[in-house]
PDB file of N, CA and C in Angstrom:
ATOM      1  N   MET A   1     -12.857  18.651  -7.564  1.00  0.00           N
ATOM      2  CA  MET A   1     -12.477  17.660  -8.545  1.00  0.00           C
ATOM      3  C   MET A   1     -11.596  16.600  -7.893  1.00  0.00           C
ATOM      4  N   ARG A   2     -11.896  15.342  -8.192  1.00  0.00           N
ATOM      5  CA  ARG A   2     -11.127  14.248  -7.605  1.00  0.00           C
ATOM      6  C   ARG A   2      -9.856  13.999  -8.406  1.00  0.00           C
ATOM      7  N   GLU A   3      -8.797  13.721  -7.693  1.00  0.00           N
ATOM      8  CA  GLU A   3      -7.510  13.414  -8.310  1.00  0.00           C
ATOM      9  C   GLU A   3      -7.189  11.951  -8.026  1.00  0.00           C
ATOM     10  N   PHE A   4      -6.896  11.192  -9.089  1.00  0.00           N
ATOM     11  CA  PHE A   4      -6.552   9.785  -8.950  1.00  0.00           C
ATOM     12  C   PHE A   4      -5.049   9.632  -9.124  1.00  0.00           C
ATOM     13  N   MET A   5      -4.438   8.902  -8.227  1.00  0.00           N
ATOM     14  CA  MET A   5      -3.007   8.684  -8.272  1.00  0.00           C
ATOM     15  C   MET A   5      -2.744   7.181  -8.270  1.00  0.00           C
ATOM     16  N   LYS A   6      -1.961   6.695  -9.209  1.00  0.00           N
ATOM     17  CA  LYS A   6      -1.624   5.281  -9.269  1.00  0.00           C
ATOM     18  C   LYS A   6      -0.225   5.095  -8.678  1.00  0.00           C
ATOM     19  N   LEU A   7      -0.123   4.205  -7.691  1.00  0.00           N
ATOM     20  CA  LEU A   7       1.147   3.944  -7.016  1.00  0.00           C
ATOM     21  C   LEU A   7       1.601   2.512  -7.275  1.00  0.00           C
ATOM     22  N   PHE A   8       2.891   2.353  -7.447  1.00  0.00           N
ATOM     23  CA  PHE A   8       3.483   1.036  -7.663  1.00  0.00           C
ATOM     24  C   PHE A   8       4.232   0.662  -6.385  1.00  0.00           C
ATOM     25  N   ILE A   9       3.824  -0.447  -5.793  1.00  0.00           N
ATOM     26  CA  ILE A   9       4.286  -0.833  -4.459  1.00  0.00           C
ATOM     27  C   ILE A   9       5.092  -2.115  -4.516  1.00  0.00           C
ATOM     28  N   THR A  10       6.194  -2.139  -3.763  1.00  0.00           N
ATOM     29  CA  THR A  10       6.904  -3.383  -3.479  1.00  0.00           C
ATOM     30  C   THR A  10       6.612  -3.680  -2.014  1.00  0.00           C
ATOM     31  N   ALA A  11       5.943  -4.797  -1.775  1.00  0.00           N
ATOM     32  CA  ALA A  11       5.477  -5.135  -0.430  1.00  0.00           C
ATOM     33  C   ALA A  11       6.409  -6.112   0.268  1.00  0.00           C
ATOM     34  N   LYS A  12       6.578  -5.908   1.551  1.00  0.00           N
ATOM     35  CA  LYS A  12       7.354  -6.804   2.402  1.00  0.00           C
ATOM     36  C   LYS A  12       6.482  -7.174   3.602  1.00  0.00           C
ATOM     37  N   ALA A  13       5.836  -8.331   3.527  1.00  0.00           N
ATOM     38  CA  ALA A  13       4.961  -8.774   4.618  1.00  0.00           C
ATOM     39  C   ALA A  13       5.764  -9.536   5.668  1.00  0.00           C
ATOM     40  N   GLY A  14       5.265  -9.554   6.885  1.00  0.00           N
ATOM     41  CA  GLY A  14       5.928 -10.270   7.973  1.00  0.00           C
ATOM     42  C   GLY A  14       7.182  -9.573   8.474  1.00  0.00           C
ATOM     43  N   ALA A  15       7.252  -8.268   8.320  1.00  0.00           N
ATOM     44  CA  ALA A  15       8.422  -7.500   8.761  1.00  0.00           C
ATOM     45  C   ALA A  15       8.377  -7.278  10.272  1.00  0.00           C
ATOM     46  N   LYS A  16       9.521  -6.899  10.832  1.00  0.00           N
ATOM     47  CA  LYS A  16       9.586  -6.631  12.272  1.00  0.00           C
ATOM     48  C   LYS A  16       8.932  -5.305  12.628  1.00  0.00           C
ATOM     49  N   GLU A  17       8.951  -4.358  11.688  1.00  0.00           N
ATOM     50  CA  GLU A  17       8.330  -3.057  11.931  1.00  0.00           C
ATOM     51  C   GLU A  17       7.599  -2.598  10.674  1.00  0.00           C
ATOM     52  N   GLU A  18       6.609  -1.734  10.871  1.00  0.00           N
ATOM     53  CA  GLU A  18       5.860  -1.207   9.736  1.00  0.00           C
ATOM     54  C   GLU A  18       6.442   0.132   9.331  1.00  0.00           C
ATOM     55  N   ARG A  19       6.654   0.295   8.007  1.00  0.00           N
ATOM     56  CA  ARG A  19       7.132   1.582   7.505  1.00  0.00           C
ATOM     57  C   ARG A  19       6.858   1.705   6.015  1.00  0.00           C
ATOM     58  N   VAL A  20       6.858   2.930   5.550  1.00  0.00           N
ATOM     59  CA  VAL A  20       6.643   3.240   4.139  1.00  0.00           C
ATOM     60  C   VAL A  20       7.833   4.057   3.679  1.00  0.00           C
ATOM     61  N   GLU A  21       8.440   3.645   2.574  1.00  0.00           N
ATOM     62  CA  GLU A  21       9.594   4.344   2.022  1.00  0.00           C
ATOM     63  C   GLU A  21       9.265   4.786   0.603  1.00  0.00           C
ATOM     64  N   LYS A  22       9.395   6.069   0.355  1.00  0.00           N
ATOM     65  CA  LYS A  22       9.126   6.617  -0.974  1.00  0.00           C
ATOM     66  C   LYS A  22      10.384   6.489  -1.831  1.00  0.00           C
ATOM     67  N   VAL A  23      10.261   5.808  -2.970  1.00  0.00           N
ATOM     68  CA  VAL A  23      11.386   5.645  -3.894  1.00  0.00           C
ATOM     69  C   VAL A  23      11.411   6.828  -4.861  1.00  0.00           C
ATOM     70  N   ASP A  24      10.260   7.130  -5.461  1.00  0.00           N
ATOM     71  CA  ASP A  24      10.063   8.331  -6.272  1.00  0.00           C
ATOM     72  C   ASP A  24       8.595   8.716  -6.186  1.00  0.00           C
ATOM     73  N   ASP A  25       8.111   9.549  -7.077  1.00  0.00           N
ATOM     74  CA  ASP A  25       6.736  10.059  -6.962  1.00  0.00           C
ATOM     75  C   ASP A  25       5.667   8.971  -7.006  1.00  0.00           C
ATOM     76  N   THR A  26       5.919   7.872  -7.718  1.00  0.00           N
ATOM     77  CA  THR A  26       4.891   6.844  -7.869  1.00  0.00           C
ATOM     78  C   THR A  26       5.303   5.470  -7.345  1.00  0.00           C
ATOM     79  N   HIS A  27       6.526   5.318  -6.876  1.00  0.00           N
ATOM     80  CA  HIS A  27       7.008   4.013  -6.399  1.00  0.00           C
ATOM     81  C   HIS A  27       7.322   4.068  -4.902  1.00  0.00           C
ATOM     82  N   PHE A  28       6.815   3.061  -4.192  1.00  0.00           N
ATOM     83  CA  PHE A  28       7.007   2.981  -2.743  1.00  0.00           C
ATOM     84  C   PHE A  28       7.388   1.564  -2.344  1.00  0.00           C
ATOM     85  N   ARG A  29       8.088   1.448  -1.223  1.00  0.00           N
ATOM     86  CA  ARG A  29       8.314   0.155  -0.570  1.00  0.00           C
ATOM     87  C   ARG A  29       7.550   0.224   0.743  1.00  0.00           C
ATOM     88  N   VAL A  30       6.793  -0.848   1.032  1.00  0.00           N
ATOM     89  CA  VAL A  30       5.984  -0.860   2.245  1.00  0.00           C
ATOM     90  C   VAL A  30       6.265  -2.142   3.024  1.00  0.00           C
ATOM     91  N   TRP A  31       6.650  -1.983   4.280  1.00  0.00           N
ATOM     92  CA  TRP A  31       6.874  -3.108   5.177  1.00  0.00           C
ATOM     93  C   TRP A  31       5.717  -3.164   6.171  1.00  0.00           C
ATOM     94  N   VAL A  32       5.129  -4.349   6.340  1.00  0.00           N
ATOM     95  CA  VAL A  32       4.050  -4.528   7.318  1.00  0.00           C
ATOM     96  C   VAL A  32       4.307  -5.780   8.144  1.00  0.00           C
ATOM     97  N   LYS A  33       3.801  -5.779   9.376  1.00  0.00           N
ATOM     98  CA  LYS A  33       3.993  -6.917  10.279  1.00  0.00           C
ATOM     99  C   LYS A  33       3.086  -8.094   9.944  1.00  0.00           C
ATOM    100  N   ASP A  34       1.933  -7.806   9.362  1.00  0.00           N
ATOM    101  CA  ASP A  34       0.941  -8.852   9.089  1.00  0.00           C
ATOM    102  C   ASP A  34       1.468  -9.891   8.093  1.00  0.00           C
ATOM    103  N   PRO A  35       1.052 -11.144   8.253  1.00  0.00           N
ATOM    104  CA  PRO A  35       1.484 -12.209   7.342  1.00  0.00           C
ATOM    105  C   PRO A  35       0.729 -12.128   6.006  1.00  0.00           C
ATOM    106  N   PRO A  36       1.327 -12.662   4.945  1.00  0.00           N
ATOM    107  CA  PRO A  36       0.669 -12.629   3.630  1.00  0.00           C
ATOM    108  C   PRO A  36      -0.347 -13.756   3.461  1.00  0.00           C
ATOM    109  N   GLU A  37      -1.338 -13.786   4.331  1.00  0.00           N
ATOM    110  CA  GLU A  37      -2.373 -14.824   4.244  1.00  0.00           C
ATOM    111  C   GLU A  37      -3.743 -14.212   4.514  1.00  0.00           C
ATOM    112  N   LYS A  38      -4.721 -14.670   3.761  1.00  0.00           N
ATOM    113  CA  LYS A  38      -6.121 -14.235   3.894  1.00  0.00           C
ATOM    114  C   LYS A  38      -6.285 -12.718   3.768  1.00  0.00           C
ATOM    115  N   GLY A  39      -5.428 -12.064   2.985  1.00  0.00           N
ATOM    116  CA  GLY A  39      -5.551 -10.629   2.738  1.00  0.00           C
ATOM    117  C   GLY A  39      -5.106  -9.728   3.867  1.00  0.00           C
ATOM    118  N   LYS A  40      -4.536 -10.300   4.924  1.00  0.00           N
ATOM    119  CA  LYS A  40      -4.126  -9.497   6.079  1.00  0.00           C
ATOM    120  C   LYS A  40      -3.045  -8.480   5.708  1.00  0.00           C
ATOM    121  N   ALA A  41      -2.051  -8.918   4.954  1.00  0.00           N
ATOM    122  CA  ALA A  41      -0.967  -8.016   4.563  1.00  0.00           C
ATOM    123  C   ALA A  41      -1.485  -6.928   3.625  1.00  0.00           C
ATOM    124  N   ASN A  42      -2.367  -7.276   2.699  1.00  0.00           N
ATOM    125  CA  ASN A  42      -2.927  -6.280   1.783  1.00  0.00           C
ATOM    126  C   ASN A  42      -3.687  -5.204   2.546  1.00  0.00           C
ATOM    127  N   ASP A  43      -4.463  -5.592   3.547  1.00  0.00           N
ATOM    128  CA  ASP A  43      -5.178  -4.623   4.370  1.00  0.00           C
ATOM    129  C   ASP A  43      -4.199  -3.718   5.115  1.00  0.00           C
ATOM    130  N   ALA A  44      -3.146  -4.308   5.646  1.00  0.00           N
ATOM    131  CA  ALA A  44      -2.144  -3.533   6.384  1.00  0.00           C
ATOM    132  C   ALA A  44      -1.411  -2.566   5.451  1.00  0.00           C
ATOM    133  N   ILE A  45      -1.159  -2.992   4.230  1.00  0.00           N
ATOM    134  CA  ILE A  45      -0.470  -2.138   3.253  1.00  0.00           C
ATOM    135  C   ILE A  45      -1.345  -0.938   2.891  1.00  0.00           C
ATOM    136  N   THR A  46      -2.627  -1.176   2.618  1.00  0.00           N
ATOM    137  CA  THR A  46      -3.506  -0.054   2.278  1.00  0.00           C
ATOM    138  C   THR A  46      -3.671   0.890   3.470  1.00  0.00           C
ATOM    139  N   ARG A  47      -3.714   0.331   4.662  1.00  0.00           N
ATOM    140  CA  ARG A  47      -3.829   1.156   5.875  1.00  0.00           C
ATOM    141  C   ARG A  47      -2.566   2.017   6.053  1.00  0.00           C
ATOM    142  N   ALA A  48      -1.390   1.414   5.879  1.00  0.00           N
ATOM    143  CA  ALA A  48      -0.124   2.137   6.037  1.00  0.00           C
ATOM    144  C   ALA A  48       0.020   3.236   4.979  1.00  0.00           C
ATOM    145  N   LEU A  49      -0.369   2.932   3.751  1.00  0.00           N
ATOM    146  CA  LEU A  49      -0.289   3.946   2.690  1.00  0.00           C
ATOM    147  C   LEU A  49      -1.267   5.083   2.926  1.00  0.00           C
ATOM    148  N   ALA A  50      -2.472   4.768   3.380  1.00  0.00           N
ATOM    149  CA  ALA A  50      -3.459   5.810   3.671  1.00  0.00           C
ATOM    150  C   ALA A  50      -2.920   6.759   4.738  1.00  0.00           C
ATOM    151  N   GLU A  51      -2.329   6.195   5.770  1.00  0.00           N
ATOM    152  CA  GLU A  51      -1.765   7.010   6.845  1.00  0.00           C
ATOM    153  C   GLU A  51      -0.612   7.861   6.315  1.00  0.00           C
ATOM    154  N   HIS A  52       0.257   7.260   5.519  1.00  0.00           N
ATOM    155  CA  HIS A  52       1.407   7.965   4.949  1.00  0.00           C
ATOM    156  C   HIS A  52       0.969   9.116   4.033  1.00  0.00           C
ATOM    157  N   MET A  53      -0.094   8.889   3.234  1.00  0.00           N
ATOM    158  CA  MET A  53      -0.572   9.878   2.266  1.00  0.00           C
ATOM    159  C   MET A  53      -1.521  10.900   2.900  1.00  0.00           C
ATOM    160  N   GLY A  54      -1.972  10.632   4.121  1.00  0.00           N
ATOM    161  CA  GLY A  54      -2.871  11.544   4.806  1.00  0.00           C
ATOM    162  C   GLY A  54      -4.298  11.507   4.274  1.00  0.00           C
ATOM    163  N   VAL A  55      -4.737  10.303   3.870  1.00  0.00           N
ATOM    164  CA  VAL A  55      -6.103  10.127   3.368  1.00  0.00           C
ATOM    165  C   VAL A  55      -6.782   9.011   4.154  1.00  0.00           C
ATOM    166  N   ALA A  56      -8.092   8.886   3.987  1.00  0.00           N
ATOM    167  CA  ALA A  56      -8.837   7.808   4.632  1.00  0.00           C
ATOM    168  C   ALA A  56      -8.529   6.479   3.940  1.00  0.00           C
ATOM    169  N   LYS A  57      -8.617   5.387   4.679  1.00  0.00           N
ATOM    170  CA  LYS A  57      -8.358   4.060   4.111  1.00  0.00           C
ATOM    171  C   LYS A  57      -9.311   3.757   2.956  1.00  0.00           C
ATOM    172  N   SER A  58     -10.509   4.316   3.002  1.00  0.00           N
ATOM    173  CA  SER A  58     -11.485   4.091   1.937  1.00  0.00           C
ATOM    174  C   SER A  58     -11.077   4.756   0.618  1.00  0.00           C
ATOM    175  N   GLN A  59     -10.092   5.645   0.671  1.00  0.00           N
ATOM    176  CA  GLN A  59      -9.610   6.319  -0.532  1.00  0.00           C
ATOM    177  C   GLN A  59      -8.435   5.582  -1.176  1.00  0.00           C
ATOM    178  N   VAL A  60      -8.057   4.442  -0.613  1.00  0.00           N
ATOM    179  CA  VAL A  60      -6.932   3.650  -1.116  1.00  0.00           C
ATOM    180  C   VAL A  60      -7.468   2.288  -1.549  1.00  0.00           C
ATOM    181  N   ALA A  61      -7.199   1.910  -2.813  1.00  0.00           N
ATOM    182  CA  ALA A  61      -7.733   0.652  -3.339  1.00  0.00           C
ATOM    183  C   ALA A  61      -6.640  -0.143  -4.046  1.00  0.00           C
ATOM    184  N   LEU A  62      -6.618  -1.442  -3.762  1.00  0.00           N
ATOM    185  CA  LEU A  62      -5.693  -2.354  -4.427  1.00  0.00           C
ATOM    186  C   LEU A  62      -6.247  -2.674  -5.812  1.00  0.00           C
ATOM    187  N   ILE A  63      -5.511  -2.329  -6.849  1.00  0.00           N
ATOM    188  CA  ILE A  63      -5.949  -2.527  -8.229  1.00  0.00           C
ATOM    189  C   ILE A  63      -5.415  -3.846  -8.788  1.00  0.00           C
ATOM    190  N   SER A  64      -4.154  -4.143  -8.481  1.00  0.00           N
ATOM    191  CA  SER A  64      -3.499  -5.327  -9.048  1.00  0.00           C
ATOM    192  C   SER A  64      -2.456  -5.854  -8.074  1.00  0.00           C
ATOM    193  N   GLY A  65      -2.215  -7.163  -8.102  1.00  0.00           N
ATOM    194  CA  GLY A  65      -1.154  -7.753  -7.289  1.00  0.00           C
ATOM    195  C   GLY A  65      -1.615  -8.315  -5.965  1.00  0.00           C
ATOM    196  N   LYS A  66      -2.838  -8.808  -5.912  1.00  0.00           N
ATOM    197  CA  LYS A  66      -3.389  -9.330  -4.649  1.00  0.00           C
ATOM    198  C   LYS A  66      -2.492 -10.397  -4.016  1.00  0.00           C
ATOM    199  N   LYS A  67      -1.882 -11.248  -4.848  1.00  0.00           N
ATOM    200  CA  LYS A  67      -1.032 -12.324  -4.320  1.00  0.00           C
ATOM    201  C   LYS A  67       0.432 -12.152  -4.713  1.00  0.00           C
ATOM    202  N   SER A  68       0.830 -10.930  -4.998  1.00  0.00           N
ATOM    203  CA  SER A  68       2.190 -10.644  -5.458  1.00  0.00           C
ATOM    204  C   SER A  68       2.863  -9.635  -4.530  1.00  0.00           C
ATOM    205  N   LYS A  69       4.183  -9.604  -4.555  1.00  0.00           N
ATOM    206  CA  LYS A  69       4.916  -8.595  -3.801  1.00  0.00           C
ATOM    207  C   LYS A  69       4.836  -7.241  -4.499  1.00  0.00           C
ATOM    208  N   ARG A  70       4.588  -7.271  -5.791  1.00  0.00           N
ATOM    209  CA  ARG A  70       4.454  -6.038  -6.579  1.00  0.00           C
ATOM    210  C   ARG A  70       2.970  -5.745  -6.766  1.00  0.00           C
ATOM    211  N   LYS A  71       2.570  -4.571  -6.305  1.00  0.00           N
ATOM    212  CA  LYS A  71       1.151  -4.202  -6.307  1.00  0.00           C
ATOM    213  C   LYS A  71       0.947  -2.849  -6.973  1.00  0.00           C
ATOM    214  N   ILE A  72      -0.234  -2.662  -7.509  1.00  0.00           N
ATOM    215  CA  ILE A  72      -0.636  -1.351  -8.025  1.00  0.00           C
ATOM    216  C   ILE A  72      -1.817  -0.905  -7.183  1.00  0.00           C
ATOM    217  N   ILE A  73      -1.677   0.280  -6.608  1.00  0.00           N
ATOM    218  CA  ILE A  73      -2.697   0.816  -5.722  1.00  0.00           C
ATOM    219  C   ILE A  73      -3.126   2.180  -6.238  1.00  0.00           C
ATOM    220  N   GLU A  74      -4.424   2.431  -6.168  1.00  0.00           N
ATOM    221  CA  GLU A  74      -4.965   3.718  -6.592  1.00  0.00           C
ATOM    222  C   GLU A  74      -5.400   4.509  -5.365  1.00  0.00           C
ATOM    223  N   VAL A  75      -4.992   5.771  -5.335  1.00  0.00           N
ATOM    224  CA  VAL A  75      -5.345   6.675  -4.234  1.00  0.00           C
ATOM    225  C   VAL A  75      -6.196   7.787  -4.820  1.00  0.00           C
ATOM    226  N   VAL A  76      -7.333   8.059  -4.183  1.00  0.00           N
ATOM    227  CA  VAL A  76      -8.227   9.125  -4.606  1.00  0.00           C
ATOM    228  C   VAL A  76      -8.057  10.272  -3.615  1.00  0.00           C
ATOM    229  N   LYS A  77      -7.702  11.445  -4.124  1.00  0.00           N
ATOM    230  CA  LYS A  77      -7.534  12.623  -3.260  1.00  0.00           C
ATOM    231  C   LYS A  77      -8.610  13.623  -3.548  1.00  0.00           C
TER     232      LYS A  77
END
């Protein structure tokens, strides 16, 4: 059975280092080096979250917030 998890992300693009910080069970802060242009930062955020959660990048999808610092991401486990 597939488990869907909705995560609320505060994104920081153009950071000096990449990291993921868990605030609580559903809220995270994600710093990525990529700039917020042409979807580069969004790709880096989904990649960083997939690595942090231990799932494939294809199991992480941006649901809302494509052009915002606040994003909603769905993870399928």
